[in-house]
Structure formats: C-alpha cells, structure tokens
Amino acid sequence: MSWLARKRLLVTGGAGFLGRNIIGKLEQRGCRELFVPRSRDYNLVDNEAVKRLYRETRPEIVIHLAAVVGGIGANRENPGKFFYDNLMMGVQMMEQGRILGVEKFVTIGTICAYPKFTPVPFKEEDLWNGYPEETNAPYGLAKKMLLVQAQAYRQQYGFNAIYLLPVNLYGPGDNFNPESSHVIPALIKKVFDSQERGERYIEVWGTGKATREFLYIEDAAEGIILATEKYDKPEPINLGAGFEISIKNLTELICELAGFDGEIKWDTSRPDGQPRRCLDTNKAKKEFGFQAKTDFKEGLKRTIEWYKTRR
C-alpha cells in the first residue's frame, strides 16, 4: 500500500477526464479518504468557497487538477475567462493550502506554458525562453504563474508544492464536445459525424504540418500519482510519451482506424497553433520512475471504440 493510503486527499477536478482516472488509481493504492469537490458546490474562483472547502475537508495532500480548458477555438474565444479562472483557482487553492499547513500540493500545469518556438524536444529549462503560442498564451501563462507561486512558497515558507507539465491527453472518457474538445476527440467526432451524414470528406483546421505529442490518460494518471508519492523538488517536470506526430498523419491514422476512406480537406484560413510539441521526458523517469507504457495506435483504437459504443 502507498503511504498516500494513510492520508486525507483532496482532488480538485476529480470528476473530470483526468481526475476520474487518478481517483481510480488512488483507490487501487488503498486510498479511502478522498474528497472530490464539485463545481456546483464549490466555485474555486471564489476565495470564500475555497476557504470553506478546506475547512470542510481538512486535506493533508492536495492534487489540483481543476481547470477551464479547451482546444484552439475555445482558447481564442475565451482568453479572458481562461486566464482569470485558471489563475484564481490555482493561486487561491495554493495560498489556503499553505495557510492551513497542507503537507503537499501537486499542481498540474500545461504544455501551453512553453514558448512558441521551443526547440524539440522541450526541456524543462526552456520554459522561460520566450512567449507562448498566441492562441493559448492566456491559459498557458495563468498556469505558469502557479509554478512561480510554488517555487516562491517553497523558498519563503518551506511549502512542499510541485509542478507537473503534461502533454495533450487522450483516451476513453475524453471530452467530445466540439465547443471545447482537444484535437483527438474533435477529429474522431468529425469522422463519425461525416459517416452518419453520408459525406465523403471531413474538414480539418490548419495545414496539418504542426506536430503534437499525446499521452494516454491512464499513463498520465500514473505519472501524477508517482510524482505525488516520490517527487519533492522545486523544478517543474514534464510528463509525456516522448514522441511527436503531425496533425496530418494523426488525422489519416484516425480515419484509418475508424474505417473512413473519404477526403481530408484542410482549412488553411484556420490556425495551426504551436508549430511543434514534443517533450524531453528523462527527468520524470529519473526522479520518480515514470515512463509511458501505452502504444499510441492501441490507445487511439481504445478511444475510438469507447466513443463508438457511447455515441
């Protein structure tokens, strides 16, 4: 049994895509005192609600997953909301955790915090070498400020806060809402919608030249829990699978796995987003033994099958 099994854990965002997988793995490790706040009961943007949450749950360990997120379109339409909500939730959760003497605070950052033209593979030391890609900069910078806060609190108060940088996640249970989904669920939905309508094409944003790295949801959950158990340093840590694939090749692979042989039309008036994304994952392996295990094609098959059976 993990030492976490003896602790009271608060997992914000624990009812979400990543959160459900983390809760499942914590339960497998013997954790029983788990509290998952719901947004309808605790608006974490409101400091009074955050204080009430801590009073009512008295956690020893906090894993802060709660975030307002979305793909390129959602980021372009909601830059102010994405900045304010993500910043206020994180800053207030960490501050109240410090005041109440939480033993450890685990912050989930974002790959969007990296500069637009970061050399591939992204190393943690590159994080401050430029401005993020414009379409998701407000979100990326809001989350990046939590790294500043974590390091400042460690320096001044001895507060044990760690900061993790996962790449794009995917897998069964993902968000397939076209208003807020990321690239893999958005593409899967496009393919099935086109098939249902009897169309012979799908339309995809951008040129297809941009690259992305993807981490299967179960692997991501395992990495976060390993870091919670074993990592206690101020430096940020990448969580990824250590590979990149172009959006063009990704789209073709999804079409193949979903049995769609129609045309792919590229809407080049739409943005590509960050040109390339691929992480250096050596630190996670060295510091807490994390290495992604799920083959990408196999992970995509499972995701497509999950969506197909629940459409």
C-alpha atoms as a PDB file:
ATOM      1  CA  MET A   1       0.000   0.000   0.000  1.00  0.00           C
ATOM      2  CA  SER A   2       1.164   3.520  -0.802  1.00  0.00           C
ATOM      3  CA  TRP A   3       1.861   5.932   2.080  1.00  0.00           C
ATOM      4  CA  LEU A   4      -0.863   8.012   0.415  1.00  0.00           C
ATOM      5  CA  ALA A   5      -3.379   5.454   1.725  1.00  0.00           C
ATOM      6  CA  ARG A   6      -2.898   6.904   5.208  1.00  0.00           C
ATOM      7  CA  LYS A   7      -3.600  10.479   4.082  1.00  0.00           C
ATOM      8  CA  ARG A   8      -6.674  12.633   3.520  1.00  0.00           C
ATOM      9  CA  LEU A   9      -6.590  13.668  -0.136  1.00  0.00           C
ATOM     10  CA  LEU A  10      -8.381  16.497  -1.891  1.00  0.00           C
ATOM     11  CA  VAL A  11      -8.503  16.172  -5.692  1.00  0.00           C
ATOM     12  CA  THR A  12      -9.933  19.237  -7.422  1.00  0.00           C
ATOM     13  CA  GLY A  13     -11.260  18.385 -10.871  1.00  0.00           C
ATOM     14  CA  GLY A  14     -11.508  14.793  -9.670  1.00  0.00           C
ATOM     15  CA  ALA A  15     -14.778  14.231 -11.542  1.00  0.00           C
ATOM     16  CA  GLY A  16     -13.191  15.216 -14.883  1.00  0.00           C
ATOM     17  CA  PHE A  17     -11.451  13.187 -17.577  1.00  0.00           C
ATOM     18  CA  LEU A  18      -8.040  13.056 -15.866  1.00  0.00           C
ATOM     19  CA  GLY A  19      -9.497  13.204 -12.361  1.00  0.00           C
ATOM     20  CA  ARG A  20     -11.597  10.052 -12.715  1.00  0.00           C
ATOM     21  CA  ASN A  21      -8.519   8.091 -13.752  1.00  0.00           C
ATOM     22  CA  ILE A  22      -6.469   9.473 -10.867  1.00  0.00           C
ATOM     23  CA  ILE A  23      -9.222   8.679  -8.348  1.00  0.00           C
ATOM     24  CA  GLY A  24      -9.384   5.111  -9.685  1.00  0.00           C
ATOM     25  CA  LYS A  25      -5.646   4.630  -9.287  1.00  0.00           C
ATOM     26  CA  LEU A  26      -5.625   6.178  -5.812  1.00  0.00           C
ATOM     27  CA  GLU A  27      -8.361   3.749  -4.752  1.00  0.00           C
ATOM     28  CA  GLN A  28      -6.258   0.876  -6.134  1.00  0.00           C
ATOM     29  CA  ARG A  29      -3.431   2.080  -3.884  1.00  0.00           C
ATOM     30  CA  GLY A  30      -5.681   1.796  -0.838  1.00  0.00           C
ATOM     31  CA  CYS A  31      -6.673   5.465  -0.506  1.00  0.00           C
ATOM     32  CA  ARG A  32     -10.053   5.782   1.209  1.00  0.00           C
ATOM     33  CA  GLU A  33     -10.196   9.368   2.461  1.00  0.00           C
ATOM     34  CA  LEU A  34     -10.673  11.007  -0.922  1.00  0.00           C
ATOM     35  CA  PHE A  35     -12.650  14.189  -1.418  1.00  0.00           C
ATOM     36  CA  VAL A  36     -13.694  15.358  -4.886  1.00  0.00           C
ATOM     37  CA  PRO A  37     -15.354  18.805  -4.811  1.00  0.00           C
ATOM     38  CA  ARG A  38     -17.955  19.569  -7.479  1.00  0.00           C
ATOM     39  CA  SER A  39     -18.103  22.994  -9.103  1.00  0.00           C
ATOM     40  CA  ARG A  40     -21.803  23.339  -8.279  1.00  0.00           C
ATOM     41  CA  ASP A  41     -20.901  23.146  -4.566  1.00  0.00           C
ATOM     42  CA  TYR A  42     -17.539  24.928  -4.556  1.00  0.00           C
ATOM     43  CA  ASN A  43     -16.747  27.658  -7.073  1.00  0.00           C
ATOM     44  CA  LEU A  44     -12.957  27.642  -6.747  1.00  0.00           C
ATOM     45  CA  VAL A  45     -12.683  31.045  -8.430  1.00  0.00           C
ATOM     46  CA  ASP A  46     -14.330  32.431  -5.270  1.00  0.00           C
ATOM     47  CA  ASN A  47     -11.931  32.641  -2.324  1.00  0.00           C
ATOM     48  CA  GLU A  48     -14.677  32.154   0.280  1.00  0.00           C
ATOM     49  CA  ALA A  49     -15.651  28.884  -1.404  1.00  0.00           C
ATOM     50  CA  VAL A  50     -12.007  27.771  -1.361  1.00  0.00           C
ATOM     51  CA  LYS A  51     -11.751  28.542   2.370  1.00  0.00           C
ATOM     52  CA  ARG A  52     -14.966  26.615   3.021  1.00  0.00           C
ATOM     53  CA  LEU A  53     -13.668  23.654   1.016  1.00  0.00           C
ATOM     54  CA  TYR A  54     -10.530  23.448   3.150  1.00  0.00           C
ATOM     55  CA  ARG A  55     -12.500  23.840   6.386  1.00  0.00           C
ATOM     56  CA  GLU A  56     -14.869  21.024   5.457  1.00  0.00           C
ATOM     57  CA  THR A  57     -12.298  18.556   4.109  1.00  0.00           C
ATOM     58  CA  ARG A  58      -9.075  19.263   6.102  1.00  0.00           C
ATOM     59  CA  PRO A  59      -6.825  17.625   3.497  1.00  0.00           C
ATOM     60  CA  GLU A  60      -3.210  16.599   4.065  1.00  0.00           C
ATOM     61  CA  ILE A  61      -2.449  16.229   0.337  1.00  0.00           C
ATOM     62  CA  VAL A  62      -3.952  18.334  -2.476  1.00  0.00           C
ATOM     63  CA  ILE A  63      -3.847  17.394  -6.156  1.00  0.00           C
ATOM     64  CA  HIS A  64      -5.066  20.434  -8.083  1.00  0.00           C
ATOM     65  CA  LEU A  65      -6.446  19.346 -11.471  1.00  0.00           C
ATOM     66  CA  ALA A  66      -9.399  21.727 -11.798  1.00  0.00           C
ATOM     67  CA  ALA A  67      -9.073  23.938 -14.878  1.00  0.00           C
ATOM     68  CA  VAL A  68     -11.049  25.692 -17.575  1.00  0.00           C
ATOM     69  CA  VAL A  69      -9.662  24.180 -20.780  1.00  0.00           C
ATOM     70  CA  GLY A  70     -10.356  23.699 -24.472  1.00  0.00           C
ATOM     71  CA  GLY A  71      -8.847  23.477 -27.932  1.00  0.00           C
ATOM     72  CA  ILE A  72      -7.624  26.317 -30.154  1.00  0.00           C
ATOM     73  CA  GLY A  73     -11.141  27.595 -30.867  1.00  0.00           C
ATOM     74  CA  ALA A  74     -12.184  27.729 -27.214  1.00  0.00           C
ATOM     75  CA  ASN A  75      -8.920  29.463 -26.287  1.00  0.00           C
ATOM     76  CA  ARG A  76      -9.421  32.108 -28.974  1.00  0.00           C
ATOM     77  CA  GLU A  77     -12.995  32.816 -27.873  1.00  0.00           C
ATOM     78  CA  ASN A  78     -12.363  32.884 -24.102  1.00  0.00           C
ATOM     79  CA  PRO A  79      -8.859  34.290 -23.449  1.00  0.00           C
ATOM     80  CA  GLY A  80     -10.005  36.438 -20.524  1.00  0.00           C
ATOM     81  CA  LYS A  81     -12.004  33.691 -18.828  1.00  0.00           C
ATOM     82  CA  PHE A  82      -9.280  31.090 -19.373  1.00  0.00           C
ATOM     83  CA  PHE A  83      -6.691  33.445 -17.847  1.00  0.00           C
ATOM     84  CA  TYR A  84      -8.720  34.664 -14.862  1.00  0.00           C
ATOM     85  CA  ASP A  85     -10.441  31.435 -13.823  1.00  0.00           C
ATOM     86  CA  ASN A  86      -7.325  29.269 -14.048  1.00  0.00           C
ATOM     87  CA  LEU A  87      -5.141  31.796 -12.276  1.00  0.00           C
ATOM     88  CA  MET A  88      -7.596  32.488  -9.446  1.00  0.00           C
ATOM     89  CA  MET A  89      -8.413  28.830  -8.815  1.00  0.00           C
ATOM     90  CA  GLY A  90      -4.768  27.826  -8.578  1.00  0.00           C
ATOM     91  CA  VAL A  91      -3.474  30.827  -6.635  1.00  0.00           C
ATOM     92  CA  GLN A  92      -6.241  30.624  -4.027  1.00  0.00           C
ATOM     93  CA  MET A  93      -6.055  26.857  -3.645  1.00  0.00           C
ATOM     94  CA  MET A  94      -2.310  27.026  -3.039  1.00  0.00           C
ATOM     95  CA  GLU A  95      -2.485  30.024  -0.690  1.00  0.00           C
ATOM     96  CA  GLN A  96      -5.189  28.498   1.511  1.00  0.00           C
ATOM     97  CA  GLY A  97      -3.324  25.181   1.477  1.00  0.00           C
ATOM     98  CA  ARG A  98      -0.219  26.972   2.728  1.00  0.00           C
ATOM     99  CA  ILE A  99      -2.130  28.809   5.456  1.00  0.00           C
ATOM    100  CA  LEU A 100      -3.696  25.573   6.700  1.00  0.00           C
ATOM    101  CA  GLY A 101      -0.447  23.586   6.612  1.00  0.00           C
ATOM    102  CA  VAL A 102      -1.135  21.107   3.813  1.00  0.00           C
ATOM    103  CA  GLU A 103       1.732  18.575   3.639  1.00  0.00           C
ATOM    104  CA  LYS A 104       1.995  18.574  -0.162  1.00  0.00           C
ATOM    105  CA  PHE A 105       0.383  20.464  -3.020  1.00  0.00           C
ATOM    106  CA  VAL A 106       0.552  18.964  -6.517  1.00  0.00           C
ATOM    107  CA  THR A 107      -0.083  21.431  -9.337  1.00  0.00           C
ATOM    108  CA  ILE A 108      -0.890  20.313 -12.869  1.00  0.00           C
ATOM    109  CA  GLY A 109       0.474  22.812 -15.356  1.00  0.00           C
ATOM    110  CA  THR A 110       0.241  22.685 -19.137  1.00  0.00           C
ATOM    111  CA  ILE A 111       2.436  22.233 -22.172  1.00  0.00           C
ATOM    112  CA  CYS A 112       0.870  25.521 -23.376  1.00  0.00           C
ATOM    113  CA  ALA A 113       3.193  27.272 -20.910  1.00  0.00           C
ATOM    114  CA  TYR A 114       6.200  26.563 -23.154  1.00  0.00           C
ATOM    115  CA  PRO A 115       7.420  29.259 -25.591  1.00  0.00           C
ATOM    116  CA  LYS A 116       6.002  29.100 -29.111  1.00  0.00           C
ATOM    117  CA  PHE A 117       9.319  28.175 -30.721  1.00  0.00           C
ATOM    118  CA  THR A 118      10.780  25.914 -28.046  1.00  0.00           C
ATOM    119  CA  PRO A 119      13.455  23.590 -29.518  1.00  0.00           C
ATOM    120  CA  VAL A 120      12.244  19.972 -29.762  1.00  0.00           C
ATOM    121  CA  PRO A 121      12.284  18.025 -27.509  1.00  0.00           C
ATOM    122  CA  PHE A 122      11.051  20.563 -24.924  1.00  0.00           C
ATOM    123  CA  LYS A 123      13.329  20.557 -21.886  1.00  0.00           C
ATOM    124  CA  GLU A 124      12.105  21.944 -18.559  1.00  0.00           C
ATOM    125  CA  GLU A 125      14.944  24.506 -18.637  1.00  0.00           C
ATOM    126  CA  ASP A 126      13.412  26.035 -21.813  1.00  0.00           C
ATOM    127  CA  LEU A 127      10.217  27.105 -20.052  1.00  0.00           C
ATOM    128  CA  TRP A 128      11.144  30.786 -19.716  1.00  0.00           C
ATOM    129  CA  ASN A 129      12.924  31.275 -23.055  1.00  0.00           C
ATOM    130  CA  GLY A 130      10.093  33.069 -24.884  1.00  0.00           C
ATOM    131  CA  TYR A 131       6.381  33.841 -25.088  1.00  0.00           C
ATOM    132  CA  PRO A 132       3.802  31.036 -25.520  1.00  0.00           C
ATOM    133  CA  GLU A 133       1.890  30.446 -28.747  1.00  0.00           C
ATOM    134  CA  GLU A 134      -0.598  33.308 -29.040  1.00  0.00           C
ATOM    135  CA  THR A 135      -3.879  31.371 -29.267  1.00  0.00           C
ATOM    136  CA  ASN A 136      -3.387  29.712 -25.879  1.00  0.00           C
ATOM    137  CA  ALA A 137      -0.979  32.150 -24.174  1.00  0.00           C
ATOM    138  CA  PRO A 138      -3.505  33.478 -21.596  1.00  0.00           C
ATOM    139  CA  TYR A 139      -4.261  29.926 -20.422  1.00  0.00           C
ATOM    140  CA  GLY A 140      -0.602  28.867 -20.542  1.00  0.00           C
ATOM    141  CA  LEU A 141       0.610  31.927 -18.632  1.00  0.00           C
ATOM    142  CA  ALA A 142      -2.085  31.644 -15.970  1.00  0.00           C
ATOM    143  CA  LYS A 143      -0.994  28.072 -15.275  1.00  0.00           C
ATOM    144  CA  LYS A 144       2.688  29.081 -15.449  1.00  0.00           C
ATOM    145  CA  MET A 145       2.196  31.577 -12.626  1.00  0.00           C
ATOM    146  CA  LEU A 146       1.393  28.638 -10.359  1.00  0.00           C
ATOM    147  CA  LEU A 147       4.965  27.434 -10.893  1.00  0.00           C
ATOM    148  CA  VAL A 148       6.216  30.855  -9.773  1.00  0.00           C
ATOM    149  CA  GLN A 149       3.932  30.674  -6.754  1.00  0.00           C
ATOM    150  CA  ALA A 150       5.020  27.121  -5.877  1.00  0.00           C
ATOM    151  CA  GLN A 151       8.706  28.000  -6.033  1.00  0.00           C
ATOM    152  CA  ALA A 152       8.237  31.260  -4.100  1.00  0.00           C
ATOM    153  CA  TYR A 153       6.246  29.491  -1.373  1.00  0.00           C
ATOM    154  CA  ARG A 154       8.860  26.760  -1.076  1.00  0.00           C
ATOM    155  CA  GLN A 155      11.591  29.394  -0.748  1.00  0.00           C
ATOM    156  CA  GLN A 156       9.808  31.593   1.820  1.00  0.00           C
ATOM    157  CA  TYR A 157       7.573  29.169   3.723  1.00  0.00           C
ATOM    158  CA  GLY A 158       9.106  25.736   3.094  1.00  0.00           C
ATOM    159  CA  PHE A 159       5.831  24.740   1.439  1.00  0.00           C
ATOM    160  CA  ASN A 160       6.082  21.457  -0.477  1.00  0.00           C
ATOM    161  CA  ALA A 161       4.435  22.309  -3.803  1.00  0.00           C
ATOM    162  CA  ILE A 162       5.411  20.504  -7.008  1.00  0.00           C
ATOM    163  CA  TYR A 163       4.575  21.383 -10.607  1.00  0.00           C
ATOM    164  CA  LEU A 164       3.956  18.906 -13.445  1.00  0.00           C
ATOM    165  CA  LEU A 165       3.752  19.638 -17.188  1.00  0.00           C
ATOM    166  CA  PRO A 166       1.682  17.015 -19.047  1.00  0.00           C
ATOM    167  CA  VAL A 167       1.326  16.974 -22.829  1.00  0.00           C
ATOM    168  CA  ASN A 168      -2.041  16.645 -24.594  1.00  0.00           C
ATOM    169  CA  LEU A 169      -4.016  13.803 -23.012  1.00  0.00           C
ATOM    170  CA  TYR A 170      -6.358  11.386 -24.788  1.00  0.00           C
ATOM    171  CA  GLY A 171      -8.246   8.184 -24.125  1.00  0.00           C
ATOM    172  CA  PRO A 172     -11.656   6.692 -23.292  1.00  0.00           C
ATOM    173  CA  GLY A 173     -13.871   9.172 -21.453  1.00  0.00           C
ATOM    174  CA  ASP A 174     -12.376  12.228 -23.171  1.00  0.00           C
ATOM    175  CA  ASN A 175     -14.413  15.380 -23.858  1.00  0.00           C
ATOM    176  CA  PHE A 176     -16.035  15.136 -27.294  1.00  0.00           C
ATOM    177  CA  ASN A 177     -17.936  18.425 -27.130  1.00  0.00           C
ATOM    178  CA  PRO A 178     -16.903  20.327 -30.306  1.00  0.00           C
ATOM    179  CA  GLU A 179     -17.058  23.646 -28.427  1.00  0.00           C
ATOM    180  CA  SER A 180     -14.291  22.688 -26.008  1.00  0.00           C
ATOM    181  CA  SER A 181     -12.628  19.425 -27.094  1.00  0.00           C
ATOM    182  CA  HIS A 182      -8.972  18.942 -27.993  1.00  0.00           C
ATOM    183  CA  VAL A 183      -7.673  17.628 -31.298  1.00  0.00           C
ATOM    184  CA  ILE A 184      -8.061  13.824 -30.949  1.00  0.00           C
ATOM    185  CA  PRO A 185     -11.698  13.737 -29.748  1.00  0.00           C
ATOM    186  CA  ALA A 186     -12.547  16.570 -32.161  1.00  0.00           C
ATOM    187  CA  LEU A 187     -11.192  14.572 -35.121  1.00  0.00           C
ATOM    188  CA  ILE A 188     -12.877  11.335 -34.024  1.00  0.00           C
ATOM    189  CA  LYS A 189     -16.225  13.130 -33.761  1.00  0.00           C
ATOM    190  CA  LYS A 190     -15.769  14.748 -37.191  1.00  0.00           C
ATOM    191  CA  VAL A 191     -15.159  11.340 -38.770  1.00  0.00           C
ATOM    192  CA  PHE A 192     -18.227   9.703 -37.212  1.00  0.00           C
ATOM    193  CA  ASP A 193     -20.436  12.730 -37.920  1.00  0.00           C
ATOM    194  CA  SER A 194     -19.366  12.665 -41.563  1.00  0.00           C
ATOM    195  CA  GLN A 195     -20.055   8.932 -41.836  1.00  0.00           C
ATOM    196  CA  GLU A 196     -23.515   9.361 -40.305  1.00  0.00           C
ATOM    197  CA  ARG A 197     -24.373  12.123 -42.766  1.00  0.00           C
ATOM    198  CA  GLY A 198     -23.098  10.048 -45.690  1.00  0.00           C
ATOM    199  CA  GLU A 199     -20.451  12.642 -46.556  1.00  0.00           C
ATOM    200  CA  ARG A 200     -17.232  11.751 -48.357  1.00  0.00           C
ATOM    201  CA  TYR A 201     -14.974  14.283 -46.651  1.00  0.00           C
ATOM    202  CA  ILE A 202     -14.036  15.885 -43.342  1.00  0.00           C
ATOM    203  CA  GLU A 203     -12.724  19.416 -42.850  1.00  0.00           C
ATOM    204  CA  VAL A 204      -9.772  19.979 -40.510  1.00  0.00           C
ATOM    205  CA  TRP A 205      -8.277  23.227 -39.197  1.00  0.00           C
ATOM    206  CA  GLY A 206      -4.834  24.378 -40.350  1.00  0.00           C
ATOM    207  CA  THR A 207      -2.288  22.905 -42.732  1.00  0.00           C
ATOM    208  CA  GLY A 208      -1.694  19.576 -40.985  1.00  0.00           C
ATOM    209  CA  LYS A 209       2.011  20.373 -40.645  1.00  0.00           C
ATOM    210  CA  ALA A 210       2.011  21.133 -36.907  1.00  0.00           C
ATOM    211  CA  THR A 211       3.121  18.271 -34.657  1.00  0.00           C
ATOM    212  CA  ARG A 212       1.804  17.137 -31.291  1.00  0.00           C
ATOM    213  CA  GLU A 213       2.670  14.623 -28.609  1.00  0.00           C
ATOM    214  CA  PHE A 214      -0.050  12.675 -26.824  1.00  0.00           C
ATOM    215  CA  LEU A 215      -0.138  10.853 -23.503  1.00  0.00           C
ATOM    216  CA  TYR A 216      -2.702   8.143 -22.824  1.00  0.00           C
ATOM    217  CA  ILE A 217      -4.934   9.058 -19.904  1.00  0.00           C
ATOM    218  CA  GLU A 218      -4.070   6.046 -17.711  1.00  0.00           C
ATOM    219  CA  ASP A 219      -0.359   6.733 -18.173  1.00  0.00           C
ATOM    220  CA  ALA A 220      -0.857  10.394 -17.239  1.00  0.00           C
ATOM    221  CA  ALA A 221      -2.738   9.433 -14.071  1.00  0.00           C
ATOM    222  CA  GLU A 222       0.021   7.009 -13.088  1.00  0.00           C
ATOM    223  CA  GLY A 223       2.694   9.669 -13.676  1.00  0.00           C
ATOM    224  CA  ILE A 224       0.898  12.216 -11.496  1.00  0.00           C
ATOM    225  CA  ILE A 225       0.451   9.748  -8.643  1.00  0.00           C
ATOM    226  CA  LEU A 226       4.095   8.621  -8.834  1.00  0.00           C
ATOM    227  CA  ALA A 227       5.151  12.275  -8.607  1.00  0.00           C
ATOM    228  CA  THR A 228       2.800  12.776  -5.648  1.00  0.00           C
ATOM    229  CA  GLU A 229       4.394   9.791  -3.922  1.00  0.00           C
ATOM    230  CA  LYS A 230       8.057  10.378  -4.778  1.00  0.00           C
ATOM    231  CA  TYR A 231       8.872  13.892  -6.051  1.00  0.00           C
ATOM    232  CA  ASP A 232       9.547  16.797  -3.677  1.00  0.00           C
ATOM    233  CA  LYS A 233      11.684  19.299  -5.608  1.00  0.00           C
ATOM    234  CA  PRO A 234      11.000  22.846  -6.901  1.00  0.00           C
ATOM    235  CA  GLU A 235      11.858  22.215 -10.556  1.00  0.00           C
ATOM    236  CA  PRO A 236       8.966  21.538 -12.973  1.00  0.00           C
ATOM    237  CA  ILE A 237       8.737  18.073 -14.505  1.00  0.00           C
ATOM    238  CA  ASN A 238       7.484  17.063 -17.969  1.00  0.00           C
ATOM    239  CA  LEU A 239       5.014  14.180 -18.306  1.00  0.00           C
ATOM    240  CA  GLY A 240       4.824  12.782 -21.809  1.00  0.00           C
ATOM    241  CA  ALA A 241       5.343   9.819 -24.099  1.00  0.00           C
ATOM    242  CA  GLY A 242       8.425  11.213 -25.855  1.00  0.00           C
ATOM    243  CA  PHE A 243       7.213  11.179 -29.489  1.00  0.00           C
ATOM    244  CA  GLU A 244       5.577  13.577 -31.949  1.00  0.00           C
ATOM    245  CA  ILE A 245       3.137  13.094 -34.812  1.00  0.00           C
ATOM    246  CA  SER A 246       1.955  15.614 -37.385  1.00  0.00           C
ATOM    247  CA  ILE A 247      -1.723  16.584 -37.384  1.00  0.00           C
ATOM    248  CA  LYS A 248      -1.852  15.314 -40.978  1.00  0.00           C
ATOM    249  CA  ASN A 249      -0.571  11.857 -40.002  1.00  0.00           C
ATOM    250  CA  LEU A 250      -2.789  11.841 -36.909  1.00  0.00           C
ATOM    251  CA  THR A 251      -5.876  12.623 -38.982  1.00  0.00           C
ATOM    252  CA  GLU A 252      -5.040   9.903 -41.509  1.00  0.00           C
ATOM    253  CA  LEU A 253      -4.491   7.360 -38.709  1.00  0.00           C
ATOM    254  CA  ILE A 254      -7.822   8.185 -37.057  1.00  0.00           C
ATOM    255  CA  CYS A 255      -9.599   7.886 -40.425  1.00  0.00           C
ATOM    256  CA  GLU A 256      -7.958   4.503 -40.993  1.00  0.00           C
ATOM    257  CA  LEU A 257      -8.839   3.149 -37.528  1.00  0.00           C
ATOM    258  CA  ALA A 258     -12.423   4.438 -37.787  1.00  0.00           C
ATOM    259  CA  GLY A 259     -12.890   2.950 -41.274  1.00  0.00           C
ATOM    260  CA  PHE A 260     -13.307   6.289 -43.064  1.00  0.00           C
ATOM    261  CA  ASP A 261     -11.833   6.491 -46.558  1.00  0.00           C
ATOM    262  CA  GLY A 262     -13.150   9.911 -47.584  1.00  0.00           C
ATOM    263  CA  GLU A 263     -11.213  13.072 -48.410  1.00  0.00           C
ATOM    264  CA  ILE A 264      -9.479  15.282 -45.809  1.00  0.00           C
ATOM    265  CA  LYS A 265      -9.936  18.986 -46.608  1.00  0.00           C
ATOM    266  CA  TRP A 266      -7.569  21.415 -44.870  1.00  0.00           C
ATOM    267  CA  ASP A 267      -8.951  24.820 -43.877  1.00  0.00           C
ATOM    268  CA  THR A 268      -5.710  26.812 -44.064  1.00  0.00           C
ATOM    269  CA  SER A 269      -7.501  30.013 -43.010  1.00  0.00           C
ATOM    270  CA  ARG A 270      -7.590  28.479 -39.515  1.00  0.00           C
ATOM    271  CA  PRO A 271      -4.538  28.495 -37.188  1.00  0.00           C
ATOM    272  CA  ASP A 272      -2.189  25.552 -36.687  1.00  0.00           C
ATOM    273  CA  GLY A 273      -1.373  26.554 -33.115  1.00  0.00           C
ATOM    274  CA  GLN A 274       2.126  25.842 -31.819  1.00  0.00           C
ATOM    275  CA  PRO A 275       4.340  24.565 -34.689  1.00  0.00           C
ATOM    276  CA  ARG A 276       5.773  21.559 -32.813  1.00  0.00           C
ATOM    277  CA  ARG A 277       5.262  19.840 -29.483  1.00  0.00           C
ATOM    278  CA  CYS A 278       7.369  17.038 -28.076  1.00  0.00           C
ATOM    279  CA  LEU A 279       8.747  16.712 -24.566  1.00  0.00           C
ATOM    280  CA  ASP A 280      12.024  15.530 -23.131  1.00  0.00           C
ATOM    281  CA  THR A 281      10.753  13.038 -20.537  1.00  0.00           C
ATOM    282  CA  ASN A 282      14.075  11.981 -18.985  1.00  0.00           C
ATOM    283  CA  LYS A 283      13.581  13.840 -15.696  1.00  0.00           C
ATOM    284  CA  ALA A 284      10.315  12.084 -14.881  1.00  0.00           C
ATOM    285  CA  LYS A 285      11.980   8.724 -15.438  1.00  0.00           C
ATOM    286  CA  LYS A 286      14.999   9.656 -13.350  1.00  0.00           C
ATOM    287  CA  GLU A 287      13.169  11.375 -10.484  1.00  0.00           C
ATOM    288  CA  PHE A 288      10.193   9.063  -9.947  1.00  0.00           C
ATOM    289  CA  GLY A 289      10.449   6.218 -12.439  1.00  0.00           C
ATOM    290  CA  PHE A 290       7.697   7.305 -14.796  1.00  0.00           C
ATOM    291  CA  GLN A 291       7.623   6.050 -18.378  1.00  0.00           C
ATOM    292  CA  ALA A 292       4.562   5.949 -20.638  1.00  0.00           C
ATOM    293  CA  LYS A 293       3.528   2.374 -21.480  1.00  0.00           C
ATOM    294  CA  THR A 294       0.571   2.591 -23.882  1.00  0.00           C
ATOM    295  CA  ASP A 295       1.277   2.233 -27.608  1.00  0.00           C
ATOM    296  CA  PHE A 296      -0.221   5.250 -29.389  1.00  0.00           C
ATOM    297  CA  LYS A 297      -2.091   3.277 -32.048  1.00  0.00           C
ATOM    298  CA  GLU A 298      -3.534   0.947 -29.398  1.00  0.00           C
ATOM    299  CA  GLY A 299      -4.584   3.934 -27.273  1.00  0.00           C
ATOM    300  CA  LEU A 300      -6.327   5.504 -30.269  1.00  0.00           C
ATOM    301  CA  LYS A 301      -8.170   2.238 -31.009  1.00  0.00           C
ATOM    302  CA  ARG A 302      -9.485   2.112 -27.438  1.00  0.00           C
ATOM    303  CA  THR A 303     -10.573   5.764 -27.597  1.00  0.00           C
ATOM    304  CA  ILE A 304     -12.385   5.310 -30.922  1.00  0.00           C
ATOM    305  CA  GLU A 305     -14.068   2.129 -29.687  1.00  0.00           C
ATOM    306  CA  TRP A 306     -15.204   3.875 -26.490  1.00  0.00           C
ATOM    307  CA  TYR A 307     -16.709   6.750 -28.459  1.00  0.00           C
ATOM    308  CA  LYS A 308     -18.340   4.409 -30.976  1.00  0.00           C
ATOM    309  CA  THR A 309     -20.157   2.421 -28.266  1.00  0.00           C
ATOM    310  CA  ARG A 310     -21.403   5.542 -26.463  1.00  0.00           C
ATOM    311  CA  ARG A 311     -22.339   7.792 -29.353  1.00  0.00           C
END
